[in-house]
Amino acid sequence: SGLLSEATLQALYDACMDASVAVRKQGIASLSNLLSFYPKDLILQKIWLGAVLPLAIDPEISVQTNAMKRIDEILLTPVIKAITAKKFSESEPIWLMLDSL
């Protein structure tokens, strides 16, 4: 990623896999906030998808809830808005993220 160092992104990914519930929640928040600021960063998109999506089935309910809130904000709501408005641009960050799944 040109905007964020590989070490920083790896640390945030690792935080999402940490044994501590608080650290996992902070990892979700940090990656999600960064993605809000840099939605076109393809590496950040992939890290977010790989780190946050699996937490939707985390054993800890509060982590699941936190992950689902961010998944809704970053993936689901933009897709629904685009479909409702019938505005599809393949270059939009949301479609690039979904394509990488």
PDB file of N, CA and C in Angstrom:
ATOM      1  N   SER A   1       0.837  -1.183   0.000  1.00  0.00           N
ATOM      2  CA  SER A   1       0.000   0.000   0.000  1.00  0.00           C
ATOM      3  C   SER A   1       0.875   1.236   0.000  1.00  0.00           C
ATOM      4  N   GLY A   2       0.580   2.171  -0.866  1.00  0.00           N
ATOM      5  CA  GLY A   2       1.360   3.389  -0.916  1.00  0.00           C
ATOM      6  C   GLY A   2       1.113   4.306   0.263  1.00  0.00           C
ATOM      7  N   LEU A   3      -0.052   4.232   0.853  1.00  0.00           N
ATOM      8  CA  LEU A   3      -0.416   5.150   1.922  1.00  0.00           C
ATOM      9  C   LEU A   3      -0.053   4.627   3.304  1.00  0.00           C
ATOM     10  N   LEU A   4      -0.079   3.339   3.471  1.00  0.00           N
ATOM     11  CA  LEU A   4       0.129   2.722   4.777  1.00  0.00           C
ATOM     12  C   LEU A   4       1.221   1.669   4.665  1.00  0.00           C
ATOM     13  N   SER A   5       2.058   1.597   5.680  1.00  0.00           N
ATOM     14  CA  SER A   5       3.149   0.628   5.616  1.00  0.00           C
ATOM     15  C   SER A   5       2.623  -0.796   5.766  1.00  0.00           C
ATOM     16  N   GLU A   6       3.346  -1.704   5.161  1.00  0.00           N
ATOM     17  CA  GLU A   6       2.987  -3.122   5.258  1.00  0.00           C
ATOM     18  C   GLU A   6       3.007  -3.585   6.713  1.00  0.00           C
ATOM     19  N   ALA A   7       3.969  -3.091   7.483  1.00  0.00           N
ATOM     20  CA  ALA A   7       4.082  -3.470   8.899  1.00  0.00           C
ATOM     21  C   ALA A   7       2.865  -2.998   9.692  1.00  0.00           C
ATOM     22  N   THR A   8       2.389  -1.798   9.400  1.00  0.00           N
ATOM     23  CA  THR A   8       1.206  -1.271  10.091  1.00  0.00           C
ATOM     24  C   THR A   8      -0.018  -2.106   9.763  1.00  0.00           C
ATOM     25  N   LEU A   9      -0.206  -2.393   8.490  1.00  0.00           N
ATOM     26  CA  LEU A   9      -1.360  -3.195   8.081  1.00  0.00           C
ATOM     27  C   LEU A   9      -1.288  -4.601   8.665  1.00  0.00           C
ATOM     28  N   GLN A  10      -0.098  -5.183   8.708  1.00  0.00           N
ATOM     29  CA  GLN A  10       0.060  -6.515   9.293  1.00  0.00           C
ATOM     30  C   GLN A  10      -0.260  -6.485  10.784  1.00  0.00           C
ATOM     31  N   ALA A  11       0.170  -5.436  11.472  1.00  0.00           N
ATOM     32  CA  ALA A  11      -0.113  -5.308  12.908  1.00  0.00           C
ATOM     33  C   ALA A  11      -1.617  -5.196  13.156  1.00  0.00           C
ATOM     34  N   LEU A  12      -2.311  -4.464  12.314  1.00  0.00           N
ATOM     35  CA  LEU A  12      -3.762  -4.327  12.473  1.00  0.00           C
ATOM     36  C   LEU A  12      -4.482  -5.631  12.139  1.00  0.00           C
ATOM     37  N   TYR A  13      -3.996  -6.333  11.124  1.00  0.00           N
ATOM     38  CA  TYR A  13      -4.552  -7.650  10.804  1.00  0.00           C
ATOM     39  C   TYR A  13      -4.356  -8.587  11.997  1.00  0.00           C
ATOM     40  N   ASP A  14      -3.145  -8.599  12.530  1.00  0.00           N
ATOM     41  CA  ASP A  14      -2.838  -9.453  13.680  1.00  0.00           C
ATOM     42  C   ASP A  14      -3.706  -9.103  14.883  1.00  0.00           C
ATOM     43  N   ALA A  15      -3.995  -7.819  15.060  1.00  0.00           N
ATOM     44  CA  ALA A  15      -4.849  -7.396  16.174  1.00  0.00           C
ATOM     45  C   ALA A  15      -6.231  -8.037  16.062  1.00  0.00           C
ATOM     46  N   CYS A  16      -6.725  -8.168  14.852  1.00  0.00           N
ATOM     47  CA  CYS A  16      -8.039  -8.781  14.643  1.00  0.00           C
ATOM     48  C   CYS A  16      -8.038 -10.276  14.963  1.00  0.00           C
ATOM     49  N   MET A  17      -6.865 -10.883  15.027  1.00  0.00           N
ATOM     50  CA  MET A  17      -6.746 -12.307  15.334  1.00  0.00           C
ATOM     51  C   MET A  17      -6.291 -12.550  16.781  1.00  0.00           C
ATOM     52  N   ASP A  18      -6.131 -11.489  17.556  1.00  0.00           N
ATOM     53  CA  ASP A  18      -5.603 -11.572  18.911  1.00  0.00           C
ATOM     54  C   ASP A  18      -6.562 -12.329  19.834  1.00  0.00           C
ATOM     55  N   ALA A  19      -6.020 -12.909  20.888  1.00  0.00           N
ATOM     56  CA  ALA A  19      -6.837 -13.627  21.868  1.00  0.00           C
ATOM     57  C   ALA A  19      -7.722 -12.676  22.673  1.00  0.00           C
ATOM     58  N   SER A  20      -7.304 -11.444  22.820  1.00  0.00           N
ATOM     59  CA  SER A  20      -8.043 -10.461  23.612  1.00  0.00           C
ATOM     60  C   SER A  20      -9.225  -9.890  22.823  1.00  0.00           C
ATOM     61  N   VAL A  21     -10.389  -9.917  23.449  1.00  0.00           N
ATOM     62  CA  VAL A  21     -11.590  -9.351  22.833  1.00  0.00           C
ATOM     63  C   VAL A  21     -11.395  -7.859  22.558  1.00  0.00           C
ATOM     64  N   ALA A  22     -10.843  -7.140  23.524  1.00  0.00           N
ATOM     65  CA  ALA A  22     -10.640  -5.693  23.363  1.00  0.00           C
ATOM     66  C   ALA A  22      -9.705  -5.391  22.195  1.00  0.00           C
ATOM     67  N   VAL A  23      -8.673  -6.195  22.035  1.00  0.00           N
ATOM     68  CA  VAL A  23      -7.724  -5.976  20.936  1.00  0.00           C
ATOM     69  C   VAL A  23      -8.387  -6.280  19.593  1.00  0.00           C
ATOM     70  N   ARG A  24      -9.182  -7.339  19.524  1.00  0.00           N
ATOM     71  CA  ARG A  24      -9.897  -7.653  18.273  1.00  0.00           C
ATOM     72  C   ARG A  24     -10.853  -6.519  17.901  1.00  0.00           C
ATOM     73  N   LYS A  25     -11.579  -6.007  18.889  1.00  0.00           N
ATOM     74  CA  LYS A  25     -12.506  -4.901  18.624  1.00  0.00           C
ATOM     75  C   LYS A  25     -11.757  -3.661  18.130  1.00  0.00           C
ATOM     76  N   GLN A  26     -10.616  -3.377  18.741  1.00  0.00           N
ATOM     77  CA  GLN A  26      -9.834  -2.222  18.307  1.00  0.00           C
ATOM     78  C   GLN A  26      -9.278  -2.441  16.902  1.00  0.00           C
ATOM     79  N   GLY A  27      -8.896  -3.670  16.592  1.00  0.00           N
ATOM     80  CA  GLY A  27      -8.434  -3.984  15.243  1.00  0.00           C
ATOM     81  C   GLY A  27      -9.517  -3.722  14.208  1.00  0.00           C
ATOM     82  N   ILE A  28     -10.737  -4.142  14.517  1.00  0.00           N
ATOM     83  CA  ILE A  28     -11.877  -3.888  13.626  1.00  0.00           C
ATOM     84  C   ILE A  28     -12.054  -2.386  13.424  1.00  0.00           C
ATOM     85  N   ALA A  29     -12.062  -1.652  14.530  1.00  0.00           N
ATOM     86  CA  ALA A  29     -12.274  -0.198  14.462  1.00  0.00           C
ATOM     87  C   ALA A  29     -11.168   0.486  13.665  1.00  0.00           C
ATOM     88  N   SER A  30      -9.933   0.123  13.942  1.00  0.00           N
ATOM     89  CA  SER A  30      -8.803   0.780  13.275  1.00  0.00           C
ATOM     90  C   SER A  30      -8.799   0.513  11.775  1.00  0.00           C
ATOM     91  N   LEU A  31      -8.956  -0.748  11.387  1.00  0.00           N
ATOM     92  CA  LEU A  31      -8.975  -1.070   9.957  1.00  0.00           C
ATOM     93  C   LEU A  31     -10.167  -0.416   9.257  1.00  0.00           C
ATOM     94  N   SER A  32     -11.310  -0.413   9.919  1.00  0.00           N
ATOM     95  CA  SER A  32     -12.511   0.175   9.319  1.00  0.00           C
ATOM     96  C   SER A  32     -12.363   1.684   9.156  1.00  0.00           C
ATOM     97  N   ASN A  33     -11.802   2.337  10.161  1.00  0.00           N
ATOM     98  CA  ASN A  33     -11.585   3.786  10.066  1.00  0.00           C
ATOM     99  C   ASN A  33     -10.604   4.113   8.943  1.00  0.00           C
ATOM    100  N   LEU A  34      -9.533   3.340   8.851  1.00  0.00           N
ATOM    101  CA  LEU A  34      -8.572   3.564   7.765  1.00  0.00           C
ATOM    102  C   LEU A  34      -9.232   3.378   6.403  1.00  0.00           C
ATOM    103  N   LEU A  35     -10.059   2.349   6.289  1.00  0.00           N
ATOM    104  CA  LEU A  35     -10.727   2.093   5.011  1.00  0.00           C
ATOM    105  C   LEU A  35     -11.696   3.222   4.663  1.00  0.00           C
ATOM    106  N   SER A  36     -12.291   3.837   5.674  1.00  0.00           N
ATOM    107  CA  SER A  36     -13.160   4.987   5.423  1.00  0.00           C
ATOM    108  C   SER A  36     -12.368   6.161   4.848  1.00  0.00           C
ATOM    109  N   PHE A  37     -11.133   6.337   5.321  1.00  0.00           N
ATOM    110  CA  PHE A  37     -10.282   7.425   4.834  1.00  0.00           C
ATOM    111  C   PHE A  37      -9.624   7.096   3.492  1.00  0.00           C
ATOM    112  N   TYR A  38      -9.329   5.821   3.261  1.00  0.00           N
ATOM    113  CA  TYR A  38      -8.624   5.391   2.044  1.00  0.00           C
ATOM    114  C   TYR A  38      -9.410   4.280   1.338  1.00  0.00           C
ATOM    115  N   PRO A  39     -10.629   4.569   0.872  1.00  0.00           N
ATOM    116  CA  PRO A  39     -11.480   3.513   0.313  1.00  0.00           C
ATOM    117  C   PRO A  39     -10.952   2.883  -0.977  1.00  0.00           C
ATOM    118  N   LYS A  40     -10.039   3.546  -1.667  1.00  0.00           N
ATOM    119  CA  LYS A  40      -9.533   3.007  -2.937  1.00  0.00           C
ATOM    120  C   LYS A  40      -8.225   2.241  -2.779  1.00  0.00           C
ATOM    121  N   ASP A  41      -7.741   2.119  -1.566  1.00  0.00           N
ATOM    122  CA  ASP A  41      -6.486   1.402  -1.314  1.00  0.00           C
ATOM    123  C   ASP A  41      -6.760  -0.103  -1.393  1.00  0.00           C
ATOM    124  N   LEU A  42      -6.333  -0.726  -2.487  1.00  0.00           N
ATOM    125  CA  LEU A  42      -6.658  -2.136  -2.735  1.00  0.00           C
ATOM    126  C   LEU A  42      -6.059  -3.076  -1.700  1.00  0.00           C
ATOM    127  N   ILE A  43      -4.861  -2.794  -1.249  1.00  0.00           N
ATOM    128  CA  ILE A  43      -4.237  -3.653  -0.237  1.00  0.00           C
ATOM    129  C   ILE A  43      -5.001  -3.547   1.076  1.00  0.00           C
ATOM    130  N   LEU A  44      -5.359  -2.341   1.462  1.00  0.00           N
ATOM    131  CA  LEU A  44      -6.154  -2.145   2.676  1.00  0.00           C
ATOM    132  C   LEU A  44      -7.507  -2.844   2.553  1.00  0.00           C
ATOM    133  N   GLN A  45      -8.118  -2.776   1.384  1.00  0.00           N
ATOM    134  CA  GLN A  45      -9.387  -3.480   1.171  1.00  0.00           C
ATOM    135  C   GLN A  45      -9.230  -4.974   1.438  1.00  0.00           C
ATOM    136  N   LYS A  46      -8.176  -5.562   0.879  1.00  0.00           N
ATOM    137  CA  LYS A  46      -7.959  -7.007   1.048  1.00  0.00           C
ATOM    138  C   LYS A  46      -7.671  -7.369   2.502  1.00  0.00           C
ATOM    139  N   ILE A  47      -6.879  -6.539   3.169  1.00  0.00           N
ATOM    140  CA  ILE A  47      -6.586  -6.786   4.591  1.00  0.00           C
ATOM    141  C   ILE A  47      -7.883  -6.711   5.394  1.00  0.00           C
ATOM    142  N   TRP A  48      -8.699  -5.689   5.122  1.00  0.00           N
ATOM    143  CA  TRP A  48      -9.964  -5.514   5.845  1.00  0.00           C
ATOM    144  C   TRP A  48     -10.874  -6.726   5.623  1.00  0.00           C
ATOM    145  N   LEU A  49     -10.998  -7.145   4.372  1.00  0.00           N
ATOM    146  CA  LEU A  49     -11.846  -8.300   4.070  1.00  0.00           C
ATOM    147  C   LEU A  49     -11.352  -9.553   4.786  1.00  0.00           C
ATOM    148  N   GLY A  50     -10.046  -9.765   4.783  1.00  0.00           N
ATOM    149  CA  GLY A  50      -9.482 -10.957   5.410  1.00  0.00           C
ATOM    150  C   GLY A  50      -9.510 -10.933   6.922  1.00  0.00           C
ATOM    151  N   ALA A  51      -9.516  -9.734   7.493  1.00  0.00           N
ATOM    152  CA  ALA A  51      -9.474  -9.611   8.953  1.00  0.00           C
ATOM    153  C   ALA A  51     -10.857  -9.433   9.566  1.00  0.00           C
ATOM    154  N   VAL A  52     -11.682  -8.589   8.970  1.00  0.00           N
ATOM    155  CA  VAL A  52     -12.959  -8.221   9.590  1.00  0.00           C
ATOM    156  C   VAL A  52     -14.077  -9.205   9.247  1.00  0.00           C
ATOM    157  N   LEU A  53     -14.177  -9.646   7.997  1.00  0.00           N
ATOM    158  CA  LEU A  53     -15.268 -10.562   7.638  1.00  0.00           C
ATOM    159  C   LEU A  53     -15.309 -11.820   8.507  1.00  0.00           C
ATOM    160  N   PRO A  54     -14.179 -12.482   8.755  1.00  0.00           N
ATOM    161  CA  PRO A  54     -14.235 -13.688   9.592  1.00  0.00           C
ATOM    162  C   PRO A  54     -14.715 -13.425  11.024  1.00  0.00           C
ATOM    163  N   LEU A  55     -14.564 -12.192  11.491  1.00  0.00           N
ATOM    164  CA  LEU A  55     -14.977 -11.874  12.859  1.00  0.00           C
ATOM    165  C   LEU A  55     -16.495 -11.803  13.006  1.00  0.00           C
ATOM    166  N   ALA A  56     -17.218 -11.881  11.900  1.00  0.00           N
ATOM    167  CA  ALA A  56     -18.680 -11.950  11.962  1.00  0.00           C
ATOM    168  C   ALA A  56     -19.130 -13.251  12.614  1.00  0.00           C
ATOM    169  N   ILE A  57     -18.232 -14.241  12.671  1.00  0.00           N
ATOM    170  CA  ILE A  57     -18.558 -15.508  13.340  1.00  0.00           C
ATOM    171  C   ILE A  57     -17.600 -15.774  14.505  1.00  0.00           C
ATOM    172  N   ASP A  58     -17.078 -14.712  15.089  1.00  0.00           N
ATOM    173  CA  ASP A  58     -16.199 -14.825  16.250  1.00  0.00           C
ATOM    174  C   ASP A  58     -16.962 -15.478  17.405  1.00  0.00           C
ATOM    175  N   PRO A  59     -16.275 -16.256  18.248  1.00  0.00           N
ATOM    176  CA  PRO A  59     -16.956 -16.871  19.395  1.00  0.00           C
ATOM    177  C   PRO A  59     -17.542 -15.843  20.374  1.00  0.00           C
ATOM    178  N   GLU A  60     -16.964 -14.662  20.420  1.00  0.00           N
ATOM    179  CA  GLU A  60     -17.431 -13.609  21.330  1.00  0.00           C
ATOM    180  C   GLU A  60     -18.499 -12.762  20.630  1.00  0.00           C
ATOM    181  N   ILE A  61     -19.685 -12.729  21.218  1.00  0.00           N
ATOM    182  CA  ILE A  61     -20.816 -12.015  20.615  1.00  0.00           C
ATOM    183  C   ILE A  61     -20.517 -10.532  20.404  1.00  0.00           C
ATOM    184  N   SER A  62     -19.835  -9.898  21.346  1.00  0.00           N
ATOM    185  CA  SER A  62     -19.569  -8.461  21.201  1.00  0.00           C
ATOM    186  C   SER A  62     -18.636  -8.186  20.017  1.00  0.00           C
ATOM    187  N   VAL A  63     -17.734  -9.113  19.726  1.00  0.00           N
ATOM    188  CA  VAL A  63     -16.860  -8.963  18.556  1.00  0.00           C
ATOM    189  C   VAL A  63     -17.687  -9.160  17.281  1.00  0.00           C
ATOM    190  N   GLN A  64     -18.564 -10.168  17.282  1.00  0.00           N
ATOM    191  CA  GLN A  64     -19.461 -10.393  16.140  1.00  0.00           C
ATOM    192  C   GLN A  64     -20.287  -9.142  15.846  1.00  0.00           C
ATOM    193  N   THR A  65     -20.859  -8.571  16.899  1.00  0.00           N
ATOM    194  CA  THR A  65     -21.702  -7.385  16.753  1.00  0.00           C
ATOM    195  C   THR A  65     -20.910  -6.222  16.170  1.00  0.00           C
ATOM    196  N   ASN A  66     -19.710  -6.030  16.690  1.00  0.00           N
ATOM    197  CA  ASN A  66     -18.844  -4.956  16.219  1.00  0.00           C
ATOM    198  C   ASN A  66     -18.485  -5.169  14.752  1.00  0.00           C
ATOM    199  N   ALA A  67     -18.108  -6.391  14.402  1.00  0.00           N
ATOM    200  CA  ALA A  67     -17.747  -6.702  13.015  1.00  0.00           C
ATOM    201  C   ALA A  67     -18.942  -6.503  12.085  1.00  0.00           C
ATOM    202  N   MET A  68     -20.105  -6.980  12.493  1.00  0.00           N
ATOM    203  CA  MET A  68     -21.293  -6.860  11.644  1.00  0.00           C
ATOM    204  C   MET A  68     -21.687  -5.402  11.431  1.00  0.00           C
ATOM    205  N   LYS A  69     -21.512  -4.577  12.451  1.00  0.00           N
ATOM    206  CA  LYS A  69     -21.806  -3.143  12.308  1.00  0.00           C
ATOM    207  C   LYS A  69     -20.920  -2.541  11.219  1.00  0.00           C
ATOM    208  N   ARG A  70     -19.627  -2.869  11.258  1.00  0.00           N
ATOM    209  CA  ARG A  70     -18.695  -2.324  10.264  1.00  0.00           C
ATOM    210  C   ARG A  70     -18.925  -2.925   8.883  1.00  0.00           C
ATOM    211  N   ILE A  71     -19.264  -4.206   8.820  1.00  0.00           N
ATOM    212  CA  ILE A  71     -19.564  -4.854   7.537  1.00  0.00           C
ATOM    213  C   ILE A  71     -20.789  -4.190   6.907  1.00  0.00           C
ATOM    214  N   ASP A  72     -21.775  -3.900   7.736  1.00  0.00           N
ATOM    215  CA  ASP A  72     -22.969  -3.217   7.241  1.00  0.00           C
ATOM    216  C   ASP A  72     -22.615  -1.831   6.703  1.00  0.00           C
ATOM    217  N   GLU A  73     -21.827  -1.072   7.464  1.00  0.00           N
ATOM    218  CA  GLU A  73     -21.452   0.294   7.062  1.00  0.00           C
ATOM    219  C   GLU A  73     -20.606   0.311   5.787  1.00  0.00           C
ATOM    220  N   ILE A  74     -19.651  -0.606   5.711  1.00  0.00           N
ATOM    221  CA  ILE A  74     -18.653  -0.551   4.638  1.00  0.00           C
ATOM    222  C   ILE A  74     -19.056  -1.338   3.395  1.00  0.00           C
ATOM    223  N   LEU A  75     -19.765  -2.446   3.572  1.00  0.00           N
ATOM    224  CA  LEU A  75     -20.136  -3.279   2.420  1.00  0.00           C
ATOM    225  C   LEU A  75     -21.626  -3.235   2.078  1.00  0.00           C
ATOM    226  N   LEU A  76     -22.453  -3.601   3.032  1.00  0.00           N
ATOM    227  CA  LEU A  76     -23.863  -3.824   2.719  1.00  0.00           C
ATOM    228  C   LEU A  76     -24.621  -2.549   2.363  1.00  0.00           C
ATOM    229  N   THR A  77     -24.512  -1.527   3.199  1.00  0.00           N
ATOM    230  CA  THR A  77     -25.249  -0.287   2.936  1.00  0.00           C
ATOM    231  C   THR A  77     -24.854   0.345   1.599  1.00  0.00           C
ATOM    232  N   PRO A  78     -23.559   0.470   1.280  1.00  0.00           N
ATOM    233  CA  PRO A  78     -23.205   1.031  -0.035  1.00  0.00           C
ATOM    234  C   PRO A  78     -23.733   0.205  -1.218  1.00  0.00           C
ATOM    235  N   VAL A  79     -23.744  -1.104  -1.081  1.00  0.00           N
ATOM    236  CA  VAL A  79     -24.264  -1.953  -2.158  1.00  0.00           C
ATOM    237  C   VAL A  79     -25.765  -1.721  -2.329  1.00  0.00           C
ATOM    238  N   ILE A  80     -26.485  -1.689  -1.225  1.00  0.00           N
ATOM    239  CA  ILE A  80     -27.936  -1.466  -1.289  1.00  0.00           C
ATOM    240  C   ILE A  80     -28.239  -0.098  -1.893  1.00  0.00           C
ATOM    241  N   LYS A  81     -27.485   0.924  -1.478  1.00  0.00           N
ATOM    242  CA  LYS A  81     -27.696   2.270  -2.032  1.00  0.00           C
ATOM    243  C   LYS A  81     -27.423   2.296  -3.533  1.00  0.00           C
ATOM    244  N   ALA A  82     -26.367   1.643  -3.966  1.00  0.00           N
ATOM    245  CA  ALA A  82     -26.026   1.623  -5.394  1.00  0.00           C
ATOM    246  C   ALA A  82     -27.091   0.895  -6.202  1.00  0.00           C
ATOM    247  N   ILE A  83     -27.574  -0.216  -5.672  1.00  0.00           N
ATOM    248  CA  ILE A  83     -28.605  -0.985  -6.375  1.00  0.00           C
ATOM    249  C   ILE A  83     -29.901  -0.187  -6.442  1.00  0.00           C
ATOM    250  N   THR A  84     -30.268   0.428  -5.324  1.00  0.00           N
ATOM    251  CA  THR A  84     -31.492   1.225  -5.275  1.00  0.00           C
ATOM    252  C   THR A  84     -31.426   2.404  -6.241  1.00  0.00           C
ATOM    253  N   ALA A  85     -30.272   3.055  -6.300  1.00  0.00           N
ATOM    254  CA  ALA A  85     -30.099   4.214  -7.187  1.00  0.00           C
ATOM    255  C   ALA A  85     -29.782   3.803  -8.624  1.00  0.00           C
ATOM    256  N   LYS A  86     -29.581   2.495  -8.834  1.00  0.00           N
ATOM    257  CA  LYS A  86     -29.204   1.965 -10.151  1.00  0.00           C
ATOM    258  C   LYS A  86     -27.949   2.644 -10.684  1.00  0.00           C
ATOM    259  N   LYS A  87     -26.989   2.849  -9.774  1.00  0.00           N
ATOM    260  CA  LYS A  87     -25.712   3.470 -10.138  1.00  0.00           C
ATOM    261  C   LYS A  87     -24.607   2.443  -9.931  1.00  0.00           C
ATOM    262  N   PHE A  88     -24.103   1.919 -11.013  1.00  0.00           N
ATOM    263  CA  PHE A  88     -23.050   0.922 -10.944  1.00  0.00           C
ATOM    264  C   PHE A  88     -21.829   1.428 -11.700  1.00  0.00           C
ATOM    265  N   SER A  89     -20.770   1.635 -10.992  1.00  0.00           N
ATOM    266  CA  SER A  89     -19.508   2.009 -11.619  1.00  0.00           C
ATOM    267  C   SER A  89     -18.469   1.010 -11.141  1.00  0.00           C
ATOM    268  N   GLU A  90     -17.921   0.244 -12.070  1.00  0.00           N
ATOM    269  CA  GLU A  90     -16.974  -0.808 -11.696  1.00  0.00           C
ATOM    270  C   GLU A  90     -15.740  -0.271 -10.995  1.00  0.00           C
ATOM    271  N   SER A  91     -15.494   1.028 -11.124  1.00  0.00           N
ATOM    272  CA  SER A  91     -14.315   1.597 -10.475  1.00  0.00           C
ATOM    273  C   SER A  91     -14.589   2.028  -9.034  1.00  0.00           C
ATOM    274  N   GLU A  92     -15.832   1.962  -8.601  1.00  0.00           N
ATOM    275  CA  GLU A  92     -16.147   2.331  -7.221  1.00  0.00           C
ATOM    276  C   GLU A  92     -15.489   1.333  -6.270  1.00  0.00           C
ATOM    277  N   PRO A  93     -14.963   1.824  -5.151  1.00  0.00           N
ATOM    278  CA  PRO A  93     -14.265   0.943  -4.208  1.00  0.00           C
ATOM    279  C   PRO A  93     -15.091  -0.256  -3.743  1.00  0.00           C
ATOM    280  N   ILE A  94     -16.380  -0.066  -3.544  1.00  0.00           N
ATOM    281  CA  ILE A  94     -17.202  -1.172  -3.045  1.00  0.00           C
ATOM    282  C   ILE A  94     -17.220  -2.339  -4.027  1.00  0.00           C
ATOM    283  N   TRP A  95     -17.301  -2.043  -5.317  1.00  0.00           N
ATOM    284  CA  TRP A  95     -17.337  -3.119  -6.315  1.00  0.00           C
ATOM    285  C   TRP A  95     -15.968  -3.792  -6.439  1.00  0.00           C
ATOM    286  N   LEU A  96     -14.911  -3.012  -6.284  1.00  0.00           N
ATOM    287  CA  LEU A  96     -13.566  -3.593  -6.303  1.00  0.00           C
ATOM    288  C   LEU A  96     -13.378  -4.541  -5.118  1.00  0.00           C
ATOM    289  N   MET A  97     -13.911  -4.140  -3.957  1.00  0.00           N
ATOM    290  CA  MET A  97     -13.810  -5.010  -2.777  1.00  0.00           C
ATOM    291  C   MET A  97     -14.572  -6.307  -3.000  1.00  0.00           C
ATOM    292  N   LEU A  98     -15.796  -6.184  -3.472  1.00  0.00           N
ATOM    293  CA  LEU A  98     -16.607  -7.380  -3.691  1.00  0.00           C
ATOM    294  C   LEU A  98     -15.990  -8.281  -4.748  1.00  0.00           C
ATOM    295  N   ASP A  99     -15.398  -7.687  -5.763  1.00  0.00           N
ATOM    296  CA  ASP A  99     -14.752  -8.466  -6.811  1.00  0.00           C
ATOM    297  C   ASP A  99     -13.577  -9.271  -6.264  1.00  0.00           C
ATOM    298  N   SER A 100     -12.914  -8.740  -5.251  1.00  0.00           N
ATOM    299  CA  SER A 100     -11.744  -9.439  -4.707  1.00  0.00           C
ATOM    300  C   SER A 100     -12.124 -10.598  -3.790  1.00  0.00           C
ATOM    301  N   LEU A 101     -13.409 -10.701  -3.447  1.00  0.00           N
ATOM    302  CA  LEU A 101     -13.840 -11.831  -2.626  1.00  0.00           C
ATOM    303  C   LEU A 101     -13.798 -13.082  -3.466  1.00  0.00           C
TER     304      LEU A 101
END
